[in-house]
């Protein structure tokens, strides 16, 4: 899968674990809601945006990337 798809999947996974909607994640992280929603169709994700999303999820970037989704064999781009 593309890296951006893994990032989006991880946001979905973590939001579900916290029982948070994308809207609440975006609001808590001071990121436009549309940024998260359109990320799926994007080809890139800015690190600064991801940092804010992590803030909205109350986790660190390290926690975010601590997932099998980001294993080399799972990323194709």
PDB file of N, CA and C in Angstrom:
ATOM      1  N   UNK A   1       0.839  -1.175   0.000  1.00  0.00           N
ATOM      2  CA  UNK A   1       0.000   0.000   0.000  1.00  0.00           C
ATOM      3  C   UNK A   1       0.883   1.237   0.000  1.00  0.00           C
ATOM      4  N   UNK A   2       0.324   2.327  -0.476  1.00  0.00           N
ATOM      5  CA  UNK A   2       1.067   3.581  -0.468  1.00  0.00           C
ATOM      6  C   UNK A   2       1.234   4.081   0.966  1.00  0.00           C
ATOM      7  N   UNK A   3       2.276   4.824   1.199  1.00  0.00           N
ATOM      8  CA  UNK A   3       2.532   5.357   2.538  1.00  0.00           C
ATOM      9  C   UNK A   3       1.370   6.215   3.016  1.00  0.00           C
ATOM     10  N   UNK A   4       0.836   7.046   2.151  1.00  0.00           N
ATOM     11  CA  UNK A   4      -0.284   7.897   2.537  1.00  0.00           C
ATOM     12  C   UNK A   4      -1.507   7.054   2.911  1.00  0.00           C
ATOM     13  N   UNK A   5      -1.689   5.914   2.259  1.00  0.00           N
ATOM     14  CA  UNK A   5      -2.799   5.020   2.612  1.00  0.00           C
ATOM     15  C   UNK A   5      -2.584   4.397   3.986  1.00  0.00           C
ATOM     16  N   UNK A   6      -1.332   4.070   4.304  1.00  0.00           N
ATOM     17  CA  UNK A   6      -1.015   3.531   5.632  1.00  0.00           C
ATOM     18  C   UNK A   6      -1.254   4.587   6.705  1.00  0.00           C
ATOM     19  N   UNK A   7      -0.899   5.825   6.419  1.00  0.00           N
ATOM     20  CA  UNK A   7      -1.130   6.921   7.367  1.00  0.00           C
ATOM     21  C   UNK A   7      -2.627   7.078   7.612  1.00  0.00           C
ATOM     22  N   UNK A   8      -3.397   7.102   6.548  1.00  0.00           N
ATOM     23  CA  UNK A   8      -4.843   7.241   6.684  1.00  0.00           C
ATOM     24  C   UNK A   8      -5.435   6.063   7.469  1.00  0.00           C
ATOM     25  N   UNK A   9      -5.007   4.852   7.143  1.00  0.00           N
ATOM     26  CA  UNK A   9      -5.501   3.662   7.850  1.00  0.00           C
ATOM     27  C   UNK A   9      -5.160   3.732   9.334  1.00  0.00           C
ATOM     28  N   UNK A  10      -3.978   4.240   9.651  1.00  0.00           N
ATOM     29  CA  UNK A  10      -3.566   4.349  11.059  1.00  0.00           C
ATOM     30  C   UNK A  10      -4.416   5.392  11.786  1.00  0.00           C
ATOM     31  N   UNK A  11      -4.737   6.485  11.120  1.00  0.00           N
ATOM     32  CA  UNK A  11      -5.610   7.489  11.740  1.00  0.00           C
ATOM     33  C   UNK A  11      -6.971   6.879  12.030  1.00  0.00           C
ATOM     34  N   UNK A  12      -7.494   6.145  11.073  1.00  0.00           N
ATOM     35  CA  UNK A  12      -8.792   5.474  11.262  1.00  0.00           C
ATOM     36  C   UNK A  12      -8.710   4.522  12.453  1.00  0.00           C
ATOM     37  N   UNK A  13      -7.672   3.711  12.483  1.00  0.00           N
ATOM     38  CA  UNK A  13      -7.484   2.734  13.558  1.00  0.00           C
ATOM     39  C   UNK A  13      -7.426   3.414  14.924  1.00  0.00           C
ATOM     40  N   UNK A  14      -6.611   4.441  15.046  1.00  0.00           N
ATOM     41  CA  UNK A  14      -6.442   5.122  16.335  1.00  0.00           C
ATOM     42  C   UNK A  14      -7.694   5.900  16.733  1.00  0.00           C
ATOM     43  N   UNK A  15      -8.357   6.519  15.777  1.00  0.00           N
ATOM     44  CA  UNK A  15      -9.597   7.235  16.081  1.00  0.00           C
ATOM     45  C   UNK A  15     -10.660   6.260  16.586  1.00  0.00           C
ATOM     46  N   UNK A  16     -10.747   5.097  15.957  1.00  0.00           N
ATOM     47  CA  UNK A  16     -11.704   4.086  16.408  1.00  0.00           C
ATOM     48  C   UNK A  16     -11.378   3.587  17.812  1.00  0.00           C
ATOM     49  N   UNK A  17     -10.085   3.389  18.093  1.00  0.00           N
ATOM     50  CA  UNK A  17      -9.675   2.940  19.425  1.00  0.00           C
ATOM     51  C   UNK A  17     -10.084   3.945  20.497  1.00  0.00           C
ATOM     52  N   UNK A  18      -9.986   5.218  20.162  1.00  0.00           N
ATOM     53  CA  UNK A  18     -10.326   6.281  21.115  1.00  0.00           C
ATOM     54  C   UNK A  18     -11.799   6.677  21.043  1.00  0.00           C
ATOM     55  N   UNK A  19     -12.545   6.022  20.144  1.00  0.00           N
ATOM     56  CA  UNK A  19     -13.953   6.345  19.906  1.00  0.00           C
ATOM     57  C   UNK A  19     -14.124   7.834  19.588  1.00  0.00           C
ATOM     58  N   UNK A  20     -13.229   8.319  18.705  1.00  0.00           N
ATOM     59  CA  UNK A  20     -13.261   9.720  18.285  1.00  0.00           C
ATOM     60  C   UNK A  20     -13.617   9.790  16.800  1.00  0.00           C
ATOM     61  N   UNK A  21     -14.426  10.748  16.444  1.00  0.00           N
ATOM     62  CA  UNK A  21     -14.727  10.996  15.039  1.00  0.00           C
ATOM     63  C   UNK A  21     -13.567  11.769  14.413  1.00  0.00           C
ATOM     64  N   UNK A  22     -13.501  11.756  13.089  1.00  0.00           N
ATOM     65  CA  UNK A  22     -12.489  12.563  12.406  1.00  0.00           C
ATOM     66  C   UNK A  22     -12.654  14.033  12.767  1.00  0.00           C
ATOM     67  N   UNK A  23     -13.899  14.450  12.904  1.00  0.00           N
ATOM     68  CA  UNK A  23     -14.159  15.851  13.256  1.00  0.00           C
ATOM     69  C   UNK A  23     -13.517  16.192  14.596  1.00  0.00           C
ATOM     70  N   UNK A  24     -13.676  15.326  15.591  1.00  0.00           N
ATOM     71  CA  UNK A  24     -13.104  15.586  16.914  1.00  0.00           C
ATOM     72  C   UNK A  24     -11.573  15.526  16.873  1.00  0.00           C
ATOM     73  N   UNK A  25     -11.013  14.579  16.132  1.00  0.00           N
ATOM     74  CA  UNK A  25      -9.557  14.501  15.991  1.00  0.00           C
ATOM     75  C   UNK A  25      -9.039  15.796  15.367  1.00  0.00           C
ATOM     76  N   UNK A  26      -9.717  16.240  14.309  1.00  0.00           N
ATOM     77  CA  UNK A  26      -9.306  17.466  13.625  1.00  0.00           C
ATOM     78  C   UNK A  26      -9.420  18.670  14.558  1.00  0.00           C
ATOM     79  N   UNK A  27     -10.526  18.782  15.251  1.00  0.00           N
ATOM     80  CA  UNK A  27     -10.730  19.908  16.166  1.00  0.00           C
ATOM     81  C   UNK A  27      -9.701  19.907  17.281  1.00  0.00           C
ATOM     82  N   UNK A  28      -9.476  18.745  17.899  1.00  0.00           N
ATOM     83  CA  UNK A  28      -8.525  18.653  19.010  1.00  0.00           C
ATOM     84  C   UNK A  28      -7.086  18.884  18.562  1.00  0.00           C
ATOM     85  N   UNK A  29      -6.804  18.607  17.293  1.00  0.00           N
ATOM     86  CA  UNK A  29      -5.450  18.796  16.776  1.00  0.00           C
ATOM     87  C   UNK A  29      -5.265  20.088  15.993  1.00  0.00           C
ATOM     88  N   UNK A  30      -6.335  20.898  15.922  1.00  0.00           N
ATOM     89  CA  UNK A  30      -6.295  22.175  15.190  1.00  0.00           C
ATOM     90  C   UNK A  30      -5.929  21.975  13.716  1.00  0.00           C
ATOM     91  N   UNK A  31      -6.533  20.963  13.120  1.00  0.00           N
ATOM     92  CA  UNK A  31      -6.339  20.652  11.705  1.00  0.00           C
ATOM     93  C   UNK A  31      -7.703  20.779  11.033  1.00  0.00           C
ATOM     94  N   UNK A  32      -7.760  21.354   9.844  1.00  0.00           N
ATOM     95  CA  UNK A  32      -9.050  21.387   9.151  1.00  0.00           C
ATOM     96  C   UNK A  32      -9.586  19.960   8.931  1.00  0.00           C
ATOM     97  N   UNK A  33     -10.842  19.774   9.210  1.00  0.00           N
ATOM     98  CA  UNK A  33     -11.486  18.477   9.029  1.00  0.00           C
ATOM     99  C   UNK A  33     -11.271  17.959   7.608  1.00  0.00           C
ATOM    100  N   UNK A  34     -11.383  18.852   6.643  1.00  0.00           N
ATOM    101  CA  UNK A  34     -11.233  18.459   5.241  1.00  0.00           C
ATOM    102  C   UNK A  34      -9.838  17.902   4.949  1.00  0.00           C
ATOM    103  N   UNK A  35      -8.847  18.328   5.688  1.00  0.00           N
ATOM    104  CA  UNK A  35      -7.486  17.827   5.489  1.00  0.00           C
ATOM    105  C   UNK A  35      -7.416  16.334   5.773  1.00  0.00           C
ATOM    106  N   UNK A  36      -8.058  15.911   6.843  1.00  0.00           N
ATOM    107  CA  UNK A  36      -8.042  14.488   7.187  1.00  0.00           C
ATOM    108  C   UNK A  36      -8.875  13.688   6.186  1.00  0.00           C
ATOM    109  N   UNK A  37     -10.036  14.192   5.853  1.00  0.00           N
ATOM    110  CA  UNK A  37     -10.940  13.477   4.962  1.00  0.00           C
ATOM    111  C   UNK A  37     -10.338  13.321   3.563  1.00  0.00           C
ATOM    112  N   UNK A  38      -9.694  14.343   3.051  1.00  0.00           N
ATOM    113  CA  UNK A  38      -9.143  14.277   1.699  1.00  0.00           C
ATOM    114  C   UNK A  38      -7.764  13.619   1.654  1.00  0.00           C
ATOM    115  N   UNK A  39      -7.182  13.337   2.797  1.00  0.00           N
ATOM    116  CA  UNK A  39      -5.872  12.699   2.860  1.00  0.00           C
ATOM    117  C   UNK A  39      -5.864  11.380   2.081  1.00  0.00           C
ATOM    118  N   UNK A  40      -6.946  10.702   2.089  1.00  0.00           N
ATOM    119  CA  UNK A  40      -7.059   9.404   1.423  1.00  0.00           C
ATOM    120  C   UNK A  40      -6.826   9.504  -0.087  1.00  0.00           C
ATOM    121  N   UNK A  41      -7.208  10.645  -0.653  1.00  0.00           N
ATOM    122  CA  UNK A  41      -7.047  10.846  -2.099  1.00  0.00           C
ATOM    123  C   UNK A  41      -5.759  11.577  -2.444  1.00  0.00           C
ATOM    124  N   UNK A  42      -5.002  11.927  -1.440  1.00  0.00           N
ATOM    125  CA  UNK A  42      -3.777  12.690  -1.645  1.00  0.00           C
ATOM    126  C   UNK A  42      -2.602  11.762  -1.968  1.00  0.00           C
ATOM    127  N   UNK A  43      -1.541  12.353  -2.454  1.00  0.00           N
ATOM    128  CA  UNK A  43      -0.331  11.565  -2.715  1.00  0.00           C
ATOM    129  C   UNK A  43       0.742  11.831  -1.678  1.00  0.00           C
ATOM    130  N   UNK A  44       0.519  12.831  -0.827  1.00  0.00           N
ATOM    131  CA  UNK A  44       1.489  13.160   0.221  1.00  0.00           C
ATOM    132  C   UNK A  44       0.762  13.576   1.488  1.00  0.00           C
ATOM    133  N   UNK A  45       1.495  13.526   2.582  1.00  0.00           N
ATOM    134  CA  UNK A  45       1.005  14.028   3.863  1.00  0.00           C
ATOM    135  C   UNK A  45       2.141  14.827   4.484  1.00  0.00           C
ATOM    136  N   UNK A  46       1.838  16.042   4.887  1.00  0.00           N
ATOM    137  CA  UNK A  46       2.855  16.869   5.521  1.00  0.00           C
ATOM    138  C   UNK A  46       3.091  16.386   6.950  1.00  0.00           C
ATOM    139  N   UNK A  47       4.341  16.372   7.344  1.00  0.00           N
ATOM    140  CA  UNK A  47       4.689  15.948   8.693  1.00  0.00           C
ATOM    141  C   UNK A  47       4.044  16.869   9.723  1.00  0.00           C
ATOM    142  N   UNK A  48       3.974  18.137   9.436  1.00  0.00           N
ATOM    143  CA  UNK A  48       3.351  19.079  10.372  1.00  0.00           C
ATOM    144  C   UNK A  48       1.864  18.765  10.562  1.00  0.00           C
ATOM    145  N   UNK A  49       1.198  18.339   9.497  1.00  0.00           N
ATOM    146  CA  UNK A  49      -0.206  17.941   9.603  1.00  0.00           C
ATOM    147  C   UNK A  49      -0.333  16.688  10.449  1.00  0.00           C
ATOM    148  N   UNK A  50       0.524  15.731  10.203  1.00  0.00           N
ATOM    149  CA  UNK A  50       0.492  14.488  10.965  1.00  0.00           C
ATOM    150  C   UNK A  50       0.776  14.745  12.445  1.00  0.00           C
ATOM    151  N   UNK A  51       1.681  15.664  12.709  1.00  0.00           N
ATOM    152  CA  UNK A  51       1.999  16.040  14.094  1.00  0.00           C
ATOM    153  C   UNK A  51       0.743  16.583  14.789  1.00  0.00           C
ATOM    154  N   UNK A  52      -0.007  17.414  14.089  1.00  0.00           N
ATOM    155  CA  UNK A  52      -1.239  17.967  14.665  1.00  0.00           C
ATOM    156  C   UNK A  52      -2.305  16.888  14.844  1.00  0.00           C
ATOM    157  N   UNK A  53      -2.397  15.968  13.896  1.00  0.00           N
ATOM    158  CA  UNK A  53      -3.339  14.854  14.032  1.00  0.00           C
ATOM    159  C   UNK A  53      -2.991  14.038  15.271  1.00  0.00           C
ATOM    160  N   UNK A  54      -1.705  13.779  15.465  1.00  0.00           N
ATOM    161  CA  UNK A  54      -1.266  13.037  16.647  1.00  0.00           C
ATOM    162  C   UNK A  54      -1.646  13.785  17.920  1.00  0.00           C
ATOM    163  N   UNK A  55      -1.530  15.101  17.880  1.00  0.00           N
ATOM    164  CA  UNK A  55      -1.936  15.915  19.027  1.00  0.00           C
ATOM    165  C   UNK A  55      -3.429  15.730  19.290  1.00  0.00           C
ATOM    166  N   UNK A  56      -4.218  15.677  18.233  1.00  0.00           N
ATOM    167  CA  UNK A  56      -5.650  15.456  18.369  1.00  0.00           C
ATOM    168  C   UNK A  56      -5.993  14.071  18.890  1.00  0.00           C
ATOM    169  N   UNK A  57      -5.085  13.132  18.689  1.00  0.00           N
ATOM    170  CA  UNK A  57      -5.270  11.760  19.194  1.00  0.00           C
ATOM    171  C   UNK A  57      -4.579  11.549  20.544  1.00  0.00           C
ATOM    172  N   UNK A  58      -3.901  12.573  21.030  1.00  0.00           N
ATOM    173  CA  UNK A  58      -3.158  12.521  22.301  1.00  0.00           C
ATOM    174  C   UNK A  58      -2.073  11.451  22.295  1.00  0.00           C
ATOM    175  N   UNK A  59      -1.346  11.367  21.174  1.00  0.00           N
ATOM    176  CA  UNK A  59      -0.233  10.423  21.063  1.00  0.00           C
ATOM    177  C   UNK A  59       0.967  11.137  20.451  1.00  0.00           C
ATOM    178  N   UNK A  60       2.108  10.488  20.481  1.00  0.00           N
ATOM    179  CA  UNK A  60       3.306  11.028  19.862  1.00  0.00           C
ATOM    180  C   UNK A  60       3.445  10.474  18.447  1.00  0.00           C
ATOM    181  N   UNK A  61       4.322  11.082  17.672  1.00  0.00           N
ATOM    182  CA  UNK A  61       4.615  10.543  16.346  1.00  0.00           C
ATOM    183  C   UNK A  61       5.178   9.134  16.458  1.00  0.00           C
ATOM    184  N   UNK A  62       5.990   8.906  17.487  1.00  0.00           N
ATOM    185  CA  UNK A  62       6.555   7.569  17.705  1.00  0.00           C
ATOM    186  C   UNK A  62       5.431   6.549  17.890  1.00  0.00           C
ATOM    187  N   UNK A  63       4.444   6.893  18.711  1.00  0.00           N
ATOM    188  CA  UNK A  63       3.301   5.997  18.919  1.00  0.00           C
ATOM    189  C   UNK A  63       2.540   5.775  17.609  1.00  0.00           C
ATOM    190  N   UNK A  64       2.411   6.839  16.826  1.00  0.00           N
ATOM    191  CA  UNK A  64       1.675   6.741  15.572  1.00  0.00           C
ATOM    192  C   UNK A  64       2.314   5.725  14.635  1.00  0.00           C
ATOM    193  N   UNK A  65       3.618   5.818  14.498  1.00  0.00           N
ATOM    194  CA  UNK A  65       4.307   4.945  13.547  1.00  0.00           C
ATOM    195  C   UNK A  65       4.633   3.566  14.116  1.00  0.00           C
ATOM    196  N   UNK A  66       4.295   3.333  15.359  1.00  0.00           N
ATOM    197  CA  UNK A  66       4.521   2.026  15.969  1.00  0.00           C
ATOM    198  C   UNK A  66       3.376   1.087  15.587  1.00  0.00           C
ATOM    199  N   UNK A  67       3.398   0.659  14.338  1.00  0.00           N
ATOM    200  CA  UNK A  67       2.336  -0.183  13.803  1.00  0.00           C
ATOM    201  C   UNK A  67       2.883  -1.027  12.654  1.00  0.00           C
ATOM    202  N   UNK A  68       2.397  -2.244  12.503  1.00  0.00           N
ATOM    203  CA  UNK A  68       2.811  -3.083  11.378  1.00  0.00           C
ATOM    204  C   UNK A  68       2.458  -2.471  10.020  1.00  0.00           C
ATOM    205  N   UNK A  69       1.527  -1.526  10.005  1.00  0.00           N
ATOM    206  CA  UNK A  69       1.173  -0.870   8.749  1.00  0.00           C
ATOM    207  C   UNK A  69       2.394  -0.235   8.080  1.00  0.00           C
ATOM    208  N   UNK A  70       3.373   0.174   8.886  1.00  0.00           N
ATOM    209  CA  UNK A  70       4.534   0.885   8.361  1.00  0.00           C
ATOM    210  C   UNK A  70       5.756   0.004   8.160  1.00  0.00           C
ATOM    211  N   UNK A  71       5.574  -1.309   8.249  1.00  0.00           N
ATOM    212  CA  UNK A  71       6.686  -2.226   7.966  1.00  0.00           C
ATOM    213  C   UNK A  71       7.062  -2.094   6.492  1.00  0.00           C
ATOM    214  N   UNK A  72       8.351  -2.196   6.216  1.00  0.00           N
ATOM    215  CA  UNK A  72       8.842  -2.029   4.838  1.00  0.00           C
ATOM    216  C   UNK A  72       8.081  -2.863   3.825  1.00  0.00           C
ATOM    217  N   UNK A  73       7.775  -4.098   4.191  1.00  0.00           N
ATOM    218  CA  UNK A  73       7.104  -4.981   3.252  1.00  0.00           C
ATOM    219  C   UNK A  73       5.656  -4.579   2.956  1.00  0.00           C
ATOM    220  N   UNK A  74       5.101  -3.698   3.760  1.00  0.00           N
ATOM    221  CA  UNK A  74       3.721  -3.251   3.554  1.00  0.00           C
ATOM    222  C   UNK A  74       3.611  -1.965   2.746  1.00  0.00           C
ATOM    223  N   UNK A  75       4.720  -1.278   2.536  1.00  0.00           N
ATOM    224  CA  UNK A  75       4.712   0.004   1.823  1.00  0.00           C
ATOM    225  C   UNK A  75       5.270  -0.190   0.430  1.00  0.00           C
ATOM    226  N   UNK A  76       4.523   0.283  -0.561  1.00  0.00           N
ATOM    227  CA  UNK A  76       4.928   0.047  -1.943  1.00  0.00           C
ATOM    228  C   UNK A  76       5.529   1.267  -2.640  1.00  0.00           C
ATOM    229  N   UNK A  77       5.411   2.452  -2.034  1.00  0.00           N
ATOM    230  CA  UNK A  77       5.936   3.612  -2.763  1.00  0.00           C
ATOM    231  C   UNK A  77       7.178   4.166  -2.184  1.00  0.00           C
TER     232      UNK A  77
END
